[in-house]
């Protein structure tokens, strides 16, 4: 029993924040210079920019149509796949609001998730350092905010 406890304690000590090897600001800056850190910073920066745009702009024509048509769940919405309408319906019912900022939240979250998953796939298939430059140009383009 004592041997098992000492192994568990040793493992817990290895994963604790104190012994993790992270020593502060210098390590954080060094991590940001790695491909993973650059992608994480890119995701956070574009996520904040998208949240800012979502809060400051009202619903567009297509978004208004999506919110209005999505009030009643259906298997299809004429010429659109239903997942966007279902997500809008879900977030509206979850929060009790059809505010422009609220109905855009699932799509902003999915964009951040997609960016991180694409980085992982690209890093697995190619060199990890090739992804941040390509994704930065795509994320920072004006068309991605539309």
N, C-alpha and C. Protein backbone atom coordinates (compact mmCIF):
# COMPACT_ATOMS: atom_id res chain seq x y z
N UNK A 1 0.83 -1.20 0.00
CA UNK A 1 0.00 0.00 0.00
C UNK A 1 0.87 1.26 0.00
N UNK A 2 1.93 1.24 0.82
CA UNK A 2 2.80 2.41 0.91
C UNK A 2 3.54 2.65 -0.40
N UNK A 3 3.91 1.56 -1.09
CA UNK A 3 4.60 1.71 -2.37
C UNK A 3 3.66 2.33 -3.41
N UNK A 4 2.43 1.91 -3.41
CA UNK A 4 1.45 2.46 -4.34
C UNK A 4 1.22 3.94 -4.06
N UNK A 5 1.12 4.30 -2.79
CA UNK A 5 0.90 5.70 -2.42
C UNK A 5 2.08 6.58 -2.81
N UNK A 6 3.30 6.08 -2.64
CA UNK A 6 4.48 6.88 -2.98
C UNK A 6 4.56 7.09 -4.49
N UNK A 7 4.17 6.09 -5.29
CA UNK A 7 4.16 6.26 -6.74
C UNK A 7 3.11 7.29 -7.15
N UNK A 8 1.94 7.24 -6.54
CA UNK A 8 0.88 8.20 -6.84
C UNK A 8 1.31 9.61 -6.45
N UNK A 9 1.90 9.75 -5.28
CA UNK A 9 2.36 11.06 -4.84
C UNK A 9 3.43 11.60 -5.78
N UNK A 10 4.34 10.74 -6.24
CA UNK A 10 5.38 11.16 -7.16
C UNK A 10 4.77 11.63 -8.47
N UNK A 11 3.79 10.90 -8.98
CA UNK A 11 3.13 11.30 -10.24
C UNK A 11 2.39 12.62 -10.08
N UNK A 12 1.71 12.78 -8.96
CA UNK A 12 0.98 14.03 -8.72
C UNK A 12 1.95 15.20 -8.61
N UNK A 13 3.08 14.98 -8.00
CA UNK A 13 4.06 16.04 -7.86
C UNK A 13 4.59 16.45 -9.23
N UNK A 14 4.71 15.47 -10.15
CA UNK A 14 5.23 15.77 -11.47
C UNK A 14 4.26 16.59 -12.31
N UNK A 15 2.98 16.48 -12.05
CA UNK A 15 2.02 17.24 -12.85
C UNK A 15 1.55 18.52 -12.15
N UNK A 16 2.05 18.80 -10.99
CA UNK A 16 1.62 20.00 -10.29
C UNK A 16 2.22 21.24 -10.94
N UNK A 17 1.59 22.37 -10.72
CA UNK A 17 2.04 23.62 -11.34
C UNK A 17 3.40 24.06 -10.81
N UNK A 18 3.70 23.72 -9.56
CA UNK A 18 4.96 24.14 -8.95
C UNK A 18 6.14 23.44 -9.62
N UNK A 19 5.99 22.16 -9.89
CA UNK A 19 7.09 21.37 -10.44
C UNK A 19 7.01 21.20 -11.95
N UNK A 20 6.14 21.92 -12.62
CA UNK A 20 5.95 21.68 -14.05
C UNK A 20 7.07 22.24 -14.91
N UNK A 21 7.95 23.04 -14.36
CA UNK A 21 9.02 23.61 -15.15
C UNK A 21 8.68 24.99 -15.69
N UNK A 22 7.46 25.42 -15.52
CA UNK A 22 7.06 26.74 -15.99
C UNK A 22 7.48 27.76 -14.94
N UNK A 23 8.42 28.61 -15.28
CA UNK A 23 9.01 29.50 -14.29
C UNK A 23 8.62 30.97 -14.44
N UNK A 24 7.66 31.27 -15.26
CA UNK A 24 7.20 32.65 -15.30
C UNK A 24 7.20 33.26 -16.68
N UNK A 25 7.41 34.55 -16.70
CA UNK A 25 7.26 35.35 -17.91
C UNK A 25 8.23 34.93 -19.02
N UNK A 26 9.44 34.61 -18.68
CA UNK A 26 10.42 34.23 -19.70
C UNK A 26 9.99 32.96 -20.43
N UNK A 27 9.45 32.00 -19.68
CA UNK A 27 8.96 30.78 -20.31
C UNK A 27 7.72 31.05 -21.17
N UNK A 28 6.87 31.96 -20.72
CA UNK A 28 5.68 32.30 -21.50
C UNK A 28 6.06 32.96 -22.82
N UNK A 29 7.01 33.86 -22.78
CA UNK A 29 7.47 34.52 -24.01
C UNK A 29 8.13 33.51 -24.93
N UNK A 30 8.91 32.61 -24.37
CA UNK A 30 9.56 31.57 -25.18
C UNK A 30 8.51 30.65 -25.80
N UNK A 31 7.45 30.32 -25.05
CA UNK A 31 6.40 29.47 -25.58
C UNK A 31 5.66 30.16 -26.72
N UNK A 32 5.43 31.47 -26.62
CA UNK A 32 4.74 32.20 -27.68
C UNK A 32 5.53 32.20 -28.98
N UNK A 33 6.83 31.98 -28.91
CA UNK A 33 7.66 31.94 -30.11
C UNK A 33 7.63 30.58 -30.79
N UNK A 34 7.04 29.59 -30.14
CA UNK A 34 6.90 28.27 -30.76
C UNK A 34 5.68 28.29 -31.68
N UNK A 35 5.58 27.35 -32.63
CA UNK A 35 4.40 27.31 -33.49
C UNK A 35 3.09 27.16 -32.71
N UNK A 36 3.09 26.33 -31.69
CA UNK A 36 1.87 26.16 -30.88
C UNK A 36 1.49 27.45 -30.18
N UNK A 37 2.47 28.14 -29.63
CA UNK A 37 2.21 29.41 -28.96
C UNK A 37 1.73 30.48 -29.92
N UNK A 38 2.31 30.49 -31.12
CA UNK A 38 1.89 31.48 -32.12
C UNK A 38 0.45 31.23 -32.54
N UNK A 39 0.08 29.98 -32.73
CA UNK A 39 -1.30 29.66 -33.10
C UNK A 39 -2.26 29.99 -31.97
N UNK A 40 -1.87 29.69 -30.73
CA UNK A 40 -2.72 30.03 -29.58
C UNK A 40 -2.93 31.53 -29.48
N UNK A 41 -1.87 32.30 -29.65
CA UNK A 41 -1.99 33.76 -29.62
C UNK A 41 -2.86 34.26 -30.76
N UNK A 42 -2.72 33.64 -31.92
CA UNK A 42 -3.52 34.01 -33.09
C UNK A 42 -5.00 33.71 -32.85
N UNK A 43 -5.28 32.56 -32.26
CA UNK A 43 -6.66 32.20 -31.96
C UNK A 43 -7.27 33.17 -30.96
N UNK A 44 -6.55 33.50 -29.91
CA UNK A 44 -7.05 34.42 -28.89
C UNK A 44 -7.28 35.81 -29.48
N UNK A 45 -6.32 36.29 -30.27
CA UNK A 45 -6.45 37.63 -30.86
C UNK A 45 -7.64 37.71 -31.81
N UNK A 46 -7.79 36.73 -32.69
CA UNK A 46 -8.91 36.77 -33.63
C UNK A 46 -10.23 36.49 -32.93
N UNK A 47 -10.21 35.69 -31.88
CA UNK A 47 -11.43 35.46 -31.10
C UNK A 47 -11.90 36.77 -30.47
N UNK A 48 -10.98 37.51 -29.90
CA UNK A 48 -11.34 38.81 -29.31
C UNK A 48 -11.83 39.79 -30.37
N UNK A 49 -11.18 39.80 -31.53
CA UNK A 49 -11.62 40.69 -32.61
C UNK A 49 -13.02 40.31 -33.08
N UNK A 50 -13.28 39.04 -33.22
CA UNK A 50 -14.61 38.59 -33.65
C UNK A 50 -15.68 38.91 -32.60
N UNK A 51 -15.33 38.76 -31.33
CA UNK A 51 -16.28 39.12 -30.28
C UNK A 51 -16.57 40.63 -30.30
N UNK A 52 -15.55 41.42 -30.56
CA UNK A 52 -15.74 42.87 -30.66
C UNK A 52 -16.65 43.22 -31.83
N UNK A 53 -16.39 42.61 -32.99
CA UNK A 53 -17.25 42.86 -34.15
C UNK A 53 -18.67 42.36 -33.90
N UNK A 54 -18.82 41.20 -33.27
CA UNK A 54 -20.14 40.66 -33.01
C UNK A 54 -20.94 41.56 -32.07
N UNK A 55 -20.26 42.18 -31.12
CA UNK A 55 -20.95 43.05 -30.17
C UNK A 55 -21.31 44.40 -30.79
N UNK A 56 -20.53 44.84 -31.77
CA UNK A 56 -20.73 46.19 -32.30
C UNK A 56 -21.61 46.24 -33.55
N UNK A 57 -21.83 45.11 -34.21
CA UNK A 57 -22.62 45.10 -35.44
C UNK A 57 -23.95 44.40 -35.21
N UNK A 58 -24.98 44.90 -35.84
CA UNK A 58 -26.28 44.25 -35.78
C UNK A 58 -26.34 43.08 -36.73
N UNK A 59 -27.48 42.40 -36.73
CA UNK A 59 -27.64 41.27 -37.63
C UNK A 59 -27.76 41.73 -39.07
N UNK A 60 -27.13 41.00 -39.97
CA UNK A 60 -27.25 41.27 -41.40
C UNK A 60 -28.53 40.63 -41.94
N UNK A 61 -28.74 40.76 -43.23
CA UNK A 61 -29.96 40.23 -43.85
C UNK A 61 -30.02 38.72 -43.70
N UNK A 62 -28.94 38.03 -44.05
CA UNK A 62 -28.93 36.56 -43.96
C UNK A 62 -29.03 36.09 -42.52
N UNK A 63 -28.38 36.80 -41.60
CA UNK A 63 -28.45 36.40 -40.20
C UNK A 63 -29.85 36.59 -39.64
N UNK A 64 -30.51 37.67 -40.02
CA UNK A 64 -31.88 37.89 -39.57
C UNK A 64 -32.80 36.80 -40.08
N UNK A 65 -32.60 36.42 -41.35
CA UNK A 65 -33.38 35.34 -41.94
C UNK A 65 -33.14 34.03 -41.19
N UNK A 66 -31.90 33.78 -40.83
CA UNK A 66 -31.55 32.56 -40.12
C UNK A 66 -32.21 32.53 -38.74
N UNK A 67 -32.18 33.63 -38.04
CA UNK A 67 -32.79 33.68 -36.70
C UNK A 67 -34.29 33.51 -36.80
N UNK A 68 -34.92 34.21 -37.76
CA UNK A 68 -36.38 34.13 -37.90
C UNK A 68 -36.82 32.74 -38.36
N UNK A 69 -36.15 32.19 -39.36
CA UNK A 69 -36.53 30.86 -39.86
C UNK A 69 -36.18 29.76 -38.87
N UNK A 70 -35.17 29.99 -38.06
CA UNK A 70 -34.74 28.98 -37.10
C UNK A 70 -35.58 28.91 -35.85
N UNK A 71 -36.57 29.74 -35.73
CA UNK A 71 -37.43 29.70 -34.54
C UNK A 71 -38.23 28.41 -34.48
N UNK A 72 -38.46 27.79 -35.64
CA UNK A 72 -39.16 26.51 -35.69
C UNK A 72 -38.20 25.49 -36.28
N UNK A 73 -37.88 24.46 -35.51
CA UNK A 73 -36.94 23.44 -35.97
C UNK A 73 -37.53 22.62 -37.11
N UNK A 74 -36.72 22.43 -38.15
CA UNK A 74 -37.10 21.62 -39.29
C UNK A 74 -35.89 20.81 -39.75
N UNK A 75 -36.12 19.82 -40.57
CA UNK A 75 -35.02 19.01 -41.09
C UNK A 75 -34.29 19.70 -42.24
N UNK A 76 -34.93 20.66 -42.87
CA UNK A 76 -34.30 21.40 -43.95
C UNK A 76 -34.93 22.78 -44.06
N UNK A 77 -34.14 23.73 -44.49
CA UNK A 77 -34.63 25.10 -44.67
C UNK A 77 -34.40 25.49 -46.12
N UNK A 78 -35.23 25.01 -47.00
CA UNK A 78 -35.25 25.24 -48.43
C UNK A 78 -33.89 24.94 -49.07
N UNK A 79 -32.99 25.90 -49.12
CA UNK A 79 -31.71 25.68 -49.80
C UNK A 79 -30.52 25.73 -48.84
N UNK A 80 -30.76 25.55 -47.55
CA UNK A 80 -29.69 25.62 -46.56
C UNK A 80 -29.68 24.34 -45.72
N UNK A 81 -28.49 23.96 -45.30
CA UNK A 81 -28.42 22.85 -44.36
C UNK A 81 -28.89 23.34 -43.00
N UNK A 82 -29.47 22.49 -42.20
CA UNK A 82 -30.13 22.95 -40.97
C UNK A 82 -29.22 23.23 -39.79
N UNK A 83 -27.96 22.84 -39.82
CA UNK A 83 -27.14 22.93 -38.61
C UNK A 83 -26.99 24.37 -38.10
N UNK A 84 -26.83 25.33 -38.99
CA UNK A 84 -26.70 26.73 -38.55
C UNK A 84 -27.98 27.21 -37.89
N UNK A 85 -29.10 26.81 -38.43
CA UNK A 85 -30.38 27.22 -37.85
C UNK A 85 -30.57 26.54 -36.50
N UNK A 86 -30.18 25.28 -36.41
CA UNK A 86 -30.31 24.56 -35.14
C UNK A 86 -29.41 25.17 -34.07
N UNK A 87 -28.20 25.57 -34.45
CA UNK A 87 -27.31 26.20 -33.47
C UNK A 87 -27.88 27.54 -33.01
N UNK A 88 -28.44 28.31 -33.92
CA UNK A 88 -29.07 29.57 -33.55
C UNK A 88 -30.25 29.33 -32.63
N UNK A 89 -31.08 28.36 -32.98
CA UNK A 89 -32.23 28.02 -32.14
C UNK A 89 -31.75 27.58 -30.75
N UNK A 90 -30.72 26.75 -30.70
CA UNK A 90 -30.21 26.24 -29.43
C UNK A 90 -29.68 27.34 -28.52
N UNK A 91 -28.85 28.23 -29.08
CA UNK A 91 -28.28 29.29 -28.25
C UNK A 91 -29.36 30.29 -27.83
N UNK A 92 -30.34 30.53 -28.71
CA UNK A 92 -31.43 31.44 -28.35
C UNK A 92 -32.27 30.86 -27.21
N UNK A 93 -32.53 29.57 -27.25
CA UNK A 93 -33.30 28.95 -26.19
C UNK A 93 -32.48 28.76 -24.92
N UNK A 94 -31.20 28.53 -25.07
CA UNK A 94 -30.33 28.36 -23.91
C UNK A 94 -30.18 29.66 -23.13
N UNK A 95 -30.04 30.77 -23.85
CA UNK A 95 -29.84 32.06 -23.19
C UNK A 95 -31.13 32.87 -23.04
N UNK A 96 -32.15 32.53 -23.81
CA UNK A 96 -33.40 33.29 -23.76
C UNK A 96 -33.32 34.61 -24.50
N UNK A 97 -32.37 34.73 -25.43
CA UNK A 97 -32.19 35.98 -26.14
C UNK A 97 -31.85 35.71 -27.61
N UNK A 98 -32.34 36.58 -28.47
CA UNK A 98 -31.97 36.54 -29.89
C UNK A 98 -31.11 37.75 -30.25
N UNK A 99 -30.37 38.24 -29.29
CA UNK A 99 -29.45 39.35 -29.50
C UNK A 99 -28.41 38.93 -30.54
N UNK A 100 -27.95 39.90 -31.34
CA UNK A 100 -26.98 39.61 -32.40
C UNK A 100 -25.71 38.98 -31.82
N UNK A 101 -25.23 39.49 -30.72
CA UNK A 101 -24.02 38.96 -30.10
C UNK A 101 -24.22 37.52 -29.66
N UNK A 102 -25.36 37.24 -29.09
CA UNK A 102 -25.65 35.91 -28.55
C UNK A 102 -25.75 34.87 -29.67
N UNK A 103 -26.47 35.19 -30.75
CA UNK A 103 -26.66 34.19 -31.81
C UNK A 103 -25.37 33.97 -32.62
N UNK A 104 -24.42 34.86 -32.52
CA UNK A 104 -23.14 34.68 -33.21
C UNK A 104 -22.14 33.87 -32.39
N UNK A 105 -22.35 33.73 -31.10
CA UNK A 105 -21.38 33.04 -30.23
C UNK A 105 -21.03 31.61 -30.67
N UNK A 106 -21.99 30.77 -31.05
CA UNK A 106 -21.60 29.42 -31.46
C UNK A 106 -20.68 29.41 -32.68
N UNK A 107 -20.90 30.32 -33.60
CA UNK A 107 -20.10 30.36 -34.82
C UNK A 107 -18.69 30.89 -34.54
N UNK A 108 -18.60 31.83 -33.63
CA UNK A 108 -17.28 32.33 -33.23
C UNK A 108 -16.50 31.23 -32.51
N UNK A 109 -17.16 30.50 -31.65
CA UNK A 109 -16.50 29.40 -30.94
C UNK A 109 -16.08 28.30 -31.91
N UNK A 110 -16.91 27.99 -32.89
CA UNK A 110 -16.56 26.96 -33.87
C UNK A 110 -15.38 27.39 -34.74
N UNK A 111 -15.28 28.68 -35.04
CA UNK A 111 -14.14 29.15 -35.83
C UNK A 111 -12.84 28.96 -35.05
N UNK A 112 -12.86 29.27 -33.76
CA UNK A 112 -11.67 29.07 -32.94
C UNK A 112 -11.34 27.58 -32.82
N UNK A 113 -12.34 26.74 -32.66
CA UNK A 113 -12.12 25.30 -32.58
C UNK A 113 -11.56 24.76 -33.89
N UNK A 114 -12.12 25.21 -35.00
CA UNK A 114 -11.64 24.77 -36.31
C UNK A 114 -10.19 25.17 -36.53
N UNK A 115 -9.84 26.37 -36.11
CA UNK A 115 -8.46 26.83 -36.26
C UNK A 115 -7.50 25.93 -35.48
N UNK A 116 -7.85 25.59 -34.25
CA UNK A 116 -6.96 24.74 -33.46
C UNK A 116 -6.88 23.33 -34.04
N UNK A 117 -8.00 22.79 -34.51
CA UNK A 117 -7.98 21.45 -35.10
C UNK A 117 -7.19 21.42 -36.41
N UNK A 118 -7.32 22.46 -37.22
CA UNK A 118 -6.56 22.52 -38.47
C UNK A 118 -5.07 22.63 -38.18
N UNK A 119 -4.70 23.34 -37.13
CA UNK A 119 -3.29 23.40 -36.76
C UNK A 119 -2.77 22.01 -36.41
N UNK A 120 -3.54 21.28 -35.63
CA UNK A 120 -3.09 19.95 -35.22
C UNK A 120 -2.95 19.01 -36.41
N UNK A 121 -3.88 19.08 -37.35
CA UNK A 121 -3.79 18.24 -38.54
C UNK A 121 -2.58 18.64 -39.39
N UNK A 122 -2.41 19.94 -39.58
CA UNK A 122 -1.28 20.42 -40.38
C UNK A 122 0.05 20.08 -39.72
N UNK A 123 0.12 20.23 -38.41
CA UNK A 123 1.36 19.90 -37.70
C UNK A 123 1.66 18.41 -37.77
N UNK A 124 0.62 17.58 -37.80
CA UNK A 124 0.84 16.14 -37.90
C UNK A 124 1.28 15.73 -39.30
N UNK A 125 0.75 16.41 -40.33
CA UNK A 125 1.07 16.04 -41.71
C UNK A 125 2.33 16.72 -42.23
N UNK A 126 2.57 17.95 -41.81
CA UNK A 126 3.69 18.73 -42.32
C UNK A 126 4.51 19.23 -41.14
N UNK A 127 5.35 20.20 -41.38
CA UNK A 127 6.14 20.81 -40.31
C UNK A 127 5.24 21.69 -39.46
N UNK A 128 5.34 21.62 -38.13
CA UNK A 128 4.49 22.44 -37.26
C UNK A 128 4.65 23.95 -37.50
N UNK A 129 5.81 24.38 -37.97
CA UNK A 129 6.03 25.81 -38.17
C UNK A 129 5.40 26.39 -39.42
N UNK A 130 4.86 25.54 -40.30
CA UNK A 130 4.30 26.05 -41.55
C UNK A 130 2.89 26.59 -41.39
N UNK A 131 2.21 26.20 -40.35
CA UNK A 131 0.80 26.55 -40.21
C UNK A 131 0.55 28.00 -39.77
N UNK A 132 1.25 28.55 -38.77
CA UNK A 132 0.88 29.89 -38.30
C UNK A 132 0.90 30.96 -39.37
N UNK A 133 1.86 30.93 -40.27
CA UNK A 133 1.93 31.95 -41.31
C UNK A 133 0.74 31.86 -42.26
N UNK A 134 0.41 30.66 -42.69
CA UNK A 134 -0.71 30.47 -43.60
C UNK A 134 -2.03 30.85 -42.94
N UNK A 135 -2.22 30.44 -41.70
CA UNK A 135 -3.47 30.72 -41.02
C UNK A 135 -3.60 32.19 -40.65
N UNK A 136 -2.50 32.83 -40.34
CA UNK A 136 -2.53 34.26 -40.00
C UNK A 136 -3.05 35.07 -41.18
N UNK A 137 -2.60 34.75 -42.36
CA UNK A 137 -3.07 35.51 -43.53
C UNK A 137 -4.56 35.27 -43.76
N UNK A 138 -5.04 34.07 -43.49
CA UNK A 138 -6.45 33.79 -43.66
C UNK A 138 -7.29 34.42 -42.55
N UNK A 139 -6.83 34.33 -41.31
CA UNK A 139 -7.60 34.86 -40.19
C UNK A 139 -7.67 36.38 -40.18
N UNK A 140 -6.63 37.02 -40.67
CA UNK A 140 -6.58 38.47 -40.62
C UNK A 140 -7.21 39.13 -41.82
N UNK A 141 -7.68 38.34 -42.77
CA UNK A 141 -8.29 38.95 -43.95
C UNK A 141 -9.66 39.54 -43.60
N UNK A 142 -10.04 40.53 -44.34
CA UNK A 142 -11.30 41.22 -44.09
C UNK A 142 -12.50 40.31 -44.39
N UNK A 143 -12.36 39.43 -45.36
CA UNK A 143 -13.47 38.57 -45.74
C UNK A 143 -13.87 37.58 -44.66
N UNK A 144 -12.94 37.22 -43.80
CA UNK A 144 -13.27 36.27 -42.73
C UNK A 144 -14.14 36.90 -41.65
N UNK A 145 -14.19 38.20 -41.59
CA UNK A 145 -15.01 38.86 -40.58
C UNK A 145 -16.42 39.10 -41.09
N UNK A 146 -16.65 38.83 -42.35
CA UNK A 146 -17.98 39.09 -42.93
C UNK A 146 -18.96 38.03 -42.52
